Protein backbone atom coordinates (compact mmCIF):
# COMPACT_ATOMS: atom_id res chain seq x y z
CA MET A 1 0.00 0.00 0.00
CA ASN A 2 1.30 3.45 -0.90
CA LEU A 3 1.59 5.37 2.39
CA LEU A 4 1.65 8.67 0.56
CA THR A 5 -1.91 8.24 -0.63
CA GLN A 6 -3.54 6.83 2.50
CA HIS A 7 -4.75 8.02 5.85
CA ALA A 8 -1.79 7.66 8.19
CA ALA A 9 -2.13 4.91 10.75
CA TRP A 10 -0.09 5.49 13.91
CA PRO A 11 3.36 4.67 12.54
CA LEU A 12 5.52 4.32 15.64
CA ALA A 13 6.20 1.26 17.76
CA GLY A 14 6.28 1.31 21.54
CA ILE A 15 3.43 3.72 22.40
CA SER A 16 -0.17 4.27 21.34
CA LEU A 17 -1.31 7.37 19.49
CA GLU A 18 -3.68 8.29 22.34
CA ARG A 19 -0.92 8.09 24.94
CA PHE A 20 1.49 10.07 22.76
CA LEU A 21 -1.01 12.90 22.16
CA GLN A 22 -2.07 13.07 25.81
CA ARG A 23 1.34 12.87 27.45
CA HIS A 24 3.94 14.05 24.97
CA TRP A 25 2.71 16.15 22.02
CA GLN A 26 3.76 19.75 22.77
CA ARG A 27 4.45 18.69 26.38
CA LYS A 28 7.62 16.65 26.83
CA PRO A 29 10.19 14.70 24.80
CA LEU A 30 9.90 11.04 23.98
CA LEU A 31 12.56 8.54 22.94
CA LEU A 32 11.27 5.58 20.96
CA ARG A 33 13.68 2.72 20.41
CA GLN A 34 13.10 1.10 17.03
CA ALA A 35 10.20 3.42 16.33
CA VAL A 36 10.61 2.42 12.68
CA PRO A 37 12.14 -1.08 12.91
CA GLY A 38 14.75 -1.85 10.29
CA PHE A 39 14.72 1.68 8.92
CA LYS A 40 17.43 2.42 6.37
CA PRO A 41 18.26 5.60 4.46
CA LEU A 42 15.82 6.29 1.65
CA LEU A 43 18.58 8.14 -0.21
CA SER A 44 22.23 7.20 -0.33
CA ARG A 45 24.92 9.66 0.72
CA ALA A 46 25.82 10.17 -2.95
CA GLU A 47 22.19 10.91 -3.84
CA LEU A 48 21.93 13.41 -0.99
CA PHE A 49 25.11 15.14 -2.12
CA ASP A 50 23.73 15.29 -5.66
CA LEU A 51 20.63 17.10 -4.36
CA ALA A 52 22.85 19.61 -2.57
CA SER A 53 24.53 20.44 -5.89
CA ASP A 54 21.21 21.63 -7.37
CA ASP A 55 20.63 25.38 -7.20
CA ALA A 56 16.89 24.71 -6.89
CA VAL A 57 17.42 22.84 -3.59
CA GLU A 58 18.00 24.51 -0.23
CA SER A 59 21.16 23.17 1.40
CA ARG A 60 23.61 24.29 4.08
CA LEU A 61 27.10 23.29 5.17
CA ILE A 62 27.92 23.77 8.85
CA ARG A 63 31.40 23.30 10.27
CA ARG A 64 32.59 23.41 13.85
CA GLN A 65 35.83 25.36 14.10
CA ALA A 66 38.38 25.99 16.80
CA ALA A 67 37.69 28.11 19.89
CA GLY A 68 33.95 27.46 19.80
CA LYS A 69 33.43 29.14 16.43
CA TRP A 70 31.12 27.89 13.67
CA ASP A 71 31.05 28.36 9.91
CA LEU A 72 27.86 28.39 7.81
CA LYS A 73 27.64 28.29 4.01
CA HIS A 74 24.61 28.02 1.74
CA GLY A 75 24.46 25.75 -1.32
CA PRO A 76 24.55 24.66 -4.00
CA PHE A 77 27.70 22.62 -3.36
CA THR A 78 29.75 20.66 -5.84
CA ARG A 79 31.22 17.48 -4.43
CA ARG A 80 34.68 19.06 -4.54
CA SER A 81 33.46 22.04 -2.51
CA LEU A 82 32.46 19.77 0.39
CA PRO A 83 35.05 18.71 2.98
CA ALA A 84 36.63 15.27 2.80
CA LEU A 85 34.47 12.51 4.26
CA ARG A 86 37.12 11.69 6.86
CA GLN A 87 37.41 15.28 8.00
CA PRO A 88 35.55 15.58 11.32
CA ASP A 89 33.09 18.15 12.60
CA TRP A 90 31.00 19.01 9.53
CA THR A 91 27.37 18.57 8.55
CA LEU A 92 25.47 18.88 5.28
CA LEU A 93 21.76 19.75 5.62
CA VAL A 94 19.29 19.36 2.73
CA GLN A 95 15.85 20.87 3.26
CA GLY A 96 12.48 19.85 1.81
CA VAL A 97 13.57 16.44 0.55
CA ASP A 98 9.94 15.21 0.64
CA ALA A 99 9.24 17.51 -2.32
CA LEU A 100 12.12 15.92 -4.24
CA ASP A 101 11.69 12.18 -3.66
CA ASP A 102 8.59 9.97 -3.49
CA ALA A 103 9.98 7.63 -0.82
CA VAL A 104 10.74 10.56 1.49
CA ALA A 105 7.29 12.01 0.78
CA GLU A 106 5.83 8.67 1.89
CA LEU A 107 7.82 8.94 5.12
CA LEU A 108 6.33 12.38 5.78
CA ALA A 109 2.86 10.99 5.06
CA ARG A 110 3.29 8.60 7.98
CA PHE A 111 2.95 11.63 10.24
CA ARG A 112 -0.49 12.68 9.00
CA PHE A 113 -1.92 11.86 12.42
CA ILE A 114 -1.18 15.57 12.90
CA PRO A 115 -3.24 17.87 10.59
CA ASP A 116 -1.68 18.58 7.20
CA ALA A 117 -1.82 22.30 7.99
CA ARG A 118 0.96 21.65 10.52
CA LEU A 119 3.16 19.32 8.47
CA ASP A 120 6.20 21.11 7.10
CA ASP A 121 8.93 19.00 5.53
CA VAL A 122 11.70 16.43 5.92
CA MET A 123 15.26 17.67 6.28
CA ILE A 124 18.07 15.16 5.88
CA SER A 125 21.49 15.72 7.41
CA TRP A 126 24.69 13.84 6.77
CA ALA A 127 27.46 14.41 9.31
CA SER A 128 31.05 13.30 9.62
CA ASP A 129 32.38 12.19 13.01
CA GLY A 130 31.72 14.96 15.52
CA GLY A 131 29.44 16.84 13.14
CA GLY A 132 26.39 18.74 14.34
CA VAL A 133 24.85 22.19 14.39
CA GLY A 134 25.51 23.06 18.03
CA PRO A 135 23.10 23.47 20.97
CA HIS A 136 19.92 25.20 19.82
CA VAL A 137 16.20 25.43 20.49
CA ASP A 138 13.33 25.23 18.01
CA ALA A 139 9.94 26.94 18.11
CA TYR A 140 8.24 23.95 16.50
CA ASP A 141 7.78 20.21 17.03
CA VAL A 142 10.28 17.83 15.45
CA PHE A 143 10.82 14.08 15.16
CA LEU A 144 14.48 13.10 14.80
CA LEU A 145 14.77 9.73 13.08
CA GLN A 146 18.18 8.09 12.98
CA ALA A 147 18.75 6.59 9.53
CA GLU A 148 22.39 5.56 9.52
CA GLY A 149 25.22 5.45 12.07
CA GLN A 150 24.82 6.87 15.57
CA ARG A 151 24.12 10.32 16.97
CA ARG A 152 24.26 11.40 20.62
CA TRP A 153 21.55 13.85 21.63
CA ARG A 154 21.81 15.97 24.77
CA ILE A 155 18.47 17.60 25.57
CA GLY A 156 16.98 19.82 28.24
CA PRO A 157 14.25 22.47 28.75
CA VAL A 158 15.14 26.06 27.90
CA ARG A 159 12.92 28.62 29.60
CA THR A 160 14.86 31.79 28.78
CA PRO A 161 17.13 31.18 25.79
CA ARG A 162 20.34 33.20 25.49
CA PHE A 163 22.26 33.11 22.25
CA GLY A 164 25.95 33.58 21.67
CA PRO A 165 27.13 36.71 19.83
CA ASP A 166 29.12 36.83 16.59
CA GLN A 167 27.95 33.43 15.35
CA PRO A 168 26.25 32.61 12.02
CA LEU A 169 23.89 30.29 13.93
CA LYS A 170 21.53 30.98 16.85
CA LEU A 171 23.36 28.80 19.38
CA LEU A 172 22.50 28.58 23.04
CA VAL A 173 25.01 29.73 25.62
CA ASP A 174 25.14 28.04 29.02
CA PHE A 175 23.01 25.15 27.75
CA VAL A 176 22.53 22.64 30.57
CA PRO A 177 21.10 19.34 29.28
CA ASP A 178 19.43 16.97 31.70
CA THR A 179 19.23 13.88 29.45
CA ASP A 180 21.63 12.10 27.11
CA HIS A 181 20.48 9.65 24.42
CA LEU A 182 22.50 7.64 21.88
CA LEU A 183 20.34 6.85 18.84
CA ASP A 184 20.84 3.90 16.48
CA PRO A 185 19.16 3.44 13.07
CA GLY A 186 15.39 3.17 13.51
CA ASP A 187 15.40 5.05 16.84
CA MET A 188 13.46 8.30 17.02
CA LEU A 189 13.45 11.26 19.39
CA TYR A 190 10.44 13.58 19.59
CA LEU A 191 11.04 17.12 20.86
CA PRO A 192 8.30 19.69 21.53
CA PRO A 193 8.96 23.42 21.16
CA GLY A 194 11.24 25.01 23.73
CA TRP A 195 13.52 22.05 24.35
CA GLY A 196 17.20 22.64 23.78
CA HIS A 197 19.08 19.93 21.94
CA ASP A 198 22.59 19.26 20.74
CA GLY A 199 23.19 16.33 18.41
CA VAL A 200 26.71 15.09 17.70
CA ALA A 201 27.58 12.36 15.21
CA ILE A 202 29.44 9.35 16.58
CA GLY A 203 31.21 8.43 13.39
CA PRO A 204 29.53 9.24 10.04
CA CYS A 205 25.75 9.34 10.37
CA MET A 206 22.53 10.38 8.67
CA THR A 207 19.48 11.83 10.45
CA TYR A 208 15.98 12.64 9.16
CA SER A 209 14.20 15.59 10.79
CA ILE A 210 10.42 15.64 10.36
CA GLY A 211 9.35 19.17 11.20
CA PHE A 212 6.01 20.86 11.83
CA ARG A 213 4.99 24.40 11.00
CA ALA A 214 4.24 26.74 13.90
CA PRO A 215 4.36 30.30 12.54
CA PRO A 216 3.88 33.11 15.09
CA ALA A 217 0.61 35.04 15.03
CA ASP A 218 2.18 38.29 13.81
CA GLU A 219 3.78 36.55 10.82
CA LEU A 220 0.52 34.85 9.86
CA LEU A 221 -1.46 38.05 10.24
CA ARG A 222 0.91 40.04 8.05
CA GLN A 223 0.54 37.50 5.25
CA LEU A 224 -3.20 37.10 5.75
CA LEU A 225 -3.80 40.85 5.58
CA TRP A 226 -2.20 40.92 2.14
CA LYS A 227 -4.38 38.04 0.99
CA LEU A 228 -7.56 39.56 2.38
CA ALA A 229 -6.74 42.92 0.81
CA GLU A 230 -6.32 41.23 -2.58
CA ASP A 231 -9.90 39.97 -2.36
CA LEU A 232 -11.34 43.29 -1.19
CA LYS A 233 -13.96 44.65 -3.58
CA PRO A 234 -13.27 48.08 -5.08
CA GLY A 235 -14.36 50.87 -2.76
CA PRO A 236 -14.84 54.60 -3.15
CA ARG A 237 -11.86 56.72 -4.22
CA TYR A 238 -10.57 59.22 -1.69
CA SER A 239 -11.96 62.73 -2.08
CA ASP A 240 -11.43 65.84 0.01
CA ARG A 241 -13.85 68.08 -1.79
CA GLY A 242 -15.11 70.74 0.58
CA GLN A 243 -12.67 69.64 3.34
CA ILE A 244 -9.63 71.78 2.52
CA ASP A 245 -9.54 75.37 3.72
CA THR A 246 -7.00 78.14 3.46
CA LEU A 247 -5.31 77.05 6.70
CA ALA A 248 -3.89 73.96 4.94
CA ALA A 249 -1.39 76.16 3.10
CA ARG A 250 0.23 77.06 6.43
CA ALA A 251 1.02 73.38 7.27
CA PRO A 252 1.17 71.50 3.96
CA ALA A 253 3.18 68.57 5.44
CA ARG A 254 0.50 67.71 7.99
CA LEU A 255 -1.31 64.39 7.33
CA PRO A 256 -4.98 65.17 6.71
CA GLY A 257 -7.31 63.73 9.32
CA ALA A 258 -9.90 63.08 6.62
CA MET A 259 -7.49 60.73 4.83
CA VAL A 260 -6.83 58.81 8.06
CA GLU A 261 -10.57 58.39 8.65
CA PHE A 262 -11.02 57.30 5.02
CA LEU A 263 -8.48 54.48 5.42
CA GLN A 264 -9.87 53.51 8.80
CA ALA A 265 -13.23 52.95 7.14
CA ALA A 266 -11.57 50.88 4.39
CA PHE A 267 -9.86 48.74 7.04
CA VAL A 268 -13.20 48.03 8.71
CA ARG A 269 -14.46 46.71 5.38
CA LEU A 270 -11.46 44.37 5.31
CA LYS A 271 -12.63 42.57 8.46
CA PRO A 272 -13.51 39.05 7.25
CA GLY A 273 -16.14 36.64 8.38
CA LYS A 274 -15.06 33.17 9.52
CA ARG A 275 -15.45 31.60 6.06
CA GLU A 276 -13.42 34.31 4.35
CA PHE A 277 -10.77 34.10 7.03
CA GLU A 278 -10.40 30.33 6.91
CA ALA A 279 -10.28 30.38 3.11
CA ALA A 280 -7.50 33.00 3.13
CA LEU A 281 -5.61 30.96 5.74
CA GLY A 282 -6.03 27.83 3.62
CA GLU A 283 -4.65 29.63 0.56
CA LEU A 284 -1.66 30.76 2.58
CA LEU A 285 -0.92 27.33 4.06
CA THR A 286 -1.16 25.54 0.72
CA GLU A 287 1.08 27.91 -1.23
CA PRO A 288 4.07 26.00 -2.65
CA LYS A 289 7.41 26.86 -1.13
CA GLN A 290 9.72 29.18 -3.01
CA LEU A 291 11.82 26.46 -4.65
CA VAL A 292 8.90 24.15 -5.50
CA TRP A 293 7.60 23.94 -9.06
CA PHE A 294 5.46 21.51 -11.05
CA ASP A 295 6.08 19.80 -14.39
CA PRO A 296 3.06 20.11 -16.73
CA SER A 297 1.87 16.88 -18.30
CA ARG A 298 2.83 16.12 -21.90
CA GLN A 299 -0.36 14.13 -22.44
CA SER A 300 -3.52 15.56 -23.95
CA ALA A 301 -6.65 16.05 -21.87
CA ALA A 302 -8.26 13.08 -23.63
CA GLN A 303 -5.30 10.83 -22.82
CA LEU A 304 -5.31 11.95 -19.20
CA ALA A 305 -9.06 11.33 -18.91
CA ARG A 306 -8.70 7.78 -20.26
CA ALA A 307 -5.84 7.05 -17.86
CA CYS A 308 -7.84 8.36 -14.88
CA ALA A 309 -10.81 6.25 -15.90
CA ARG A 310 -8.55 3.16 -15.91
CA GLY A 311 -6.64 3.72 -12.69
CA GLY A 312 -7.87 6.84 -10.89
CA LEU A 313 -5.45 9.60 -9.92
CA ARG A 314 -3.14 10.76 -7.14
CA LEU A 315 -1.87 14.12 -5.97
CA ASP A 316 1.70 15.01 -6.80
CA ARG A 317 4.00 14.74 -3.77
CA ARG A 318 4.56 18.52 -3.91
CA SER A 319 0.85 19.42 -3.90
CA ARG A 320 -0.61 20.82 -0.71
CA MET A 321 -4.37 20.47 -0.38
CA LEU A 322 -6.68 21.47 2.48
CA TYR A 323 -10.38 22.08 2.95
CA ALA A 324 -12.53 24.05 5.38
CA SER A 325 -16.24 24.41 6.05
CA ALA A 326 -16.96 26.05 2.70
CA SER A 327 -13.63 25.95 0.87
CA VAL A 328 -11.34 23.59 -1.01
CA LEU A 329 -7.79 24.90 -1.43
CA ILE A 330 -4.85 23.56 -3.37
CA ASN A 331 -1.41 25.03 -4.00
CA GLY A 332 -2.47 28.52 -2.96
CA GLU A 333 -5.70 28.56 -4.99
CA ARG A 334 -9.31 28.55 -3.79
CA LEU A 335 -11.98 26.67 -5.75
CA ALA A 336 -15.14 28.54 -6.65
CA SER A 337 -18.63 27.28 -5.81
CA PRO A 338 -20.04 24.63 -6.24
CA LEU A 339 -16.69 22.78 -6.23
CA ALA A 340 -15.83 24.47 -2.94
CA ARG A 341 -18.21 22.01 -1.23
CA SER A 342 -17.34 18.91 -3.26
CA SER A 343 -17.19 15.80 -1.07
CA LEU A 344 -15.13 14.07 -3.76
CA LEU A 345 -12.41 16.73 -3.62
CA ARG A 346 -12.41 16.57 0.17
CA ARG A 347 -11.88 12.83 -0.13
CA LEU A 348 -8.94 13.47 -2.44
CA ALA A 349 -7.42 15.90 0.08
CA ASP A 350 -7.69 13.33 2.89
CA ARG A 351 -6.59 10.26 0.91
CA ARG A 352 -4.42 12.02 -1.69
CA GLN A 353 -5.80 9.64 -4.32
CA LEU A 354 -9.04 8.72 -6.06
CA SER A 355 -9.96 5.36 -7.53
CA SER A 356 -11.20 4.74 -11.05
CA GLN A 357 -14.67 4.30 -9.52
CA ASP A 358 -14.35 7.72 -7.88
CA TRP A 359 -13.41 9.19 -11.25
CA LYS A 360 -16.33 7.61 -13.04
CA GLY A 361 -18.73 8.84 -10.36
CA ALA A 362 -17.42 12.41 -10.49
CA THR A 363 -19.54 15.20 -11.93
CA ALA A 364 -18.47 16.93 -15.13
CA PRO A 365 -17.17 20.03 -13.23
CA GLU A 366 -15.21 17.76 -10.85
CA GLN A 367 -13.65 15.84 -13.73
CA ALA A 368 -12.80 19.11 -15.46
CA VAL A 369 -10.89 20.53 -12.50
CA LEU A 370 -9.13 17.20 -11.86
CA LEU A 371 -8.03 17.12 -15.49
CA GLN A 372 -6.78 20.68 -15.16
CA TRP A 373 -4.68 19.66 -12.16
CA CYS A 374 -3.27 16.70 -14.10
CA GLU A 375 -2.35 19.01 -16.97
CA GLN A 376 -0.60 21.37 -14.53
CA GLY A 377 1.30 18.53 -12.86
CA TRP A 378 -0.54 18.97 -9.54
CA ALA A 379 -1.94 15.44 -9.90
CA HIS A 380 -1.21 12.38 -12.01
CA PRO A 381 -3.15 9.37 -13.32
CA SER A 382 -2.52 6.32 -11.16
CA THR A 383 -1.71 2.79 -12.15
CA ALA A 384 -3.34 -0.27 -10.63
CA ALA A 385 -0.11 -1.05 -8.75
CA GLU A 386 -0.38 2.21 -6.80
CA HIS A 387 -3.69 1.26 -5.17
């Protein structure tokens, strides 16, 4: 069964989903030995290095230097520009690998027991002996899955973080861990926000970081205001007829009060109802990341329709799709009524695939929008083997 296209069952051994959510999620760390038994890297070291050489992929090289100093460089990196494998104390980080590889996307899909609106991406790090990124604290939840070799994690709560000066990284000073864990392949460490952690490779190792989005309210509001303003219907044009007198010539630089009141009234009109607000939020959360693009299909609409009738269809691994009470949203776009309430499209968002029977039972407008997504590369016809 293709994990990418299914509801995620609880994927981790050693604890139930109910117990994890009640006792650990956003509360306290959890170490799971053999959380994913027999787990092995989904990409080889060479394949990871190849990704880091692509200028369309976000990558970083972090090196620990003498006297507690650190060096940070951003990719792309040719193989020759990376340190020798035997040189200690360096780490290569490749971000958003789930958007680049189907197997890694399937790994991320195992964590859909948390709403898709929170899922961010999978970062893969390869480190030489002693490599790491120093003691730091994250403002989001993360699962750290050991894929190859060993990594020692020192963790502890950080109530008032203090960061060292003159460093390219936000590293904690006076970090006092209270727990020490050595992870082997298949082991996983969950950390909620606010927990300091320092991971150091014991020999060469590879670690997968499954991260969750937790943007601050001010950041979300800034972006949402732009989106809501884009949808604002045209209003009256500012006019000061009859409001300017001869006294204005004495203080021409003064901001007119009438203009302030005019914009205050426009801002009141911007205030959305719940449906408008959730739709704008859905558009924002489904927008593709900066380096993500889609490859349009080379098949005709007729060919795509026949293929969907035979095997159904699936969302592309890079597609983000959500729905709300009266909205369906995909890759930053909102569907107009009546598709905004389509139960079939909601099913696609949850399962990330539709069967051939689903396709044949779809209405003409539903089939039309699904074909459009296939043409854009947002979705693809499935084969029988993928179901």
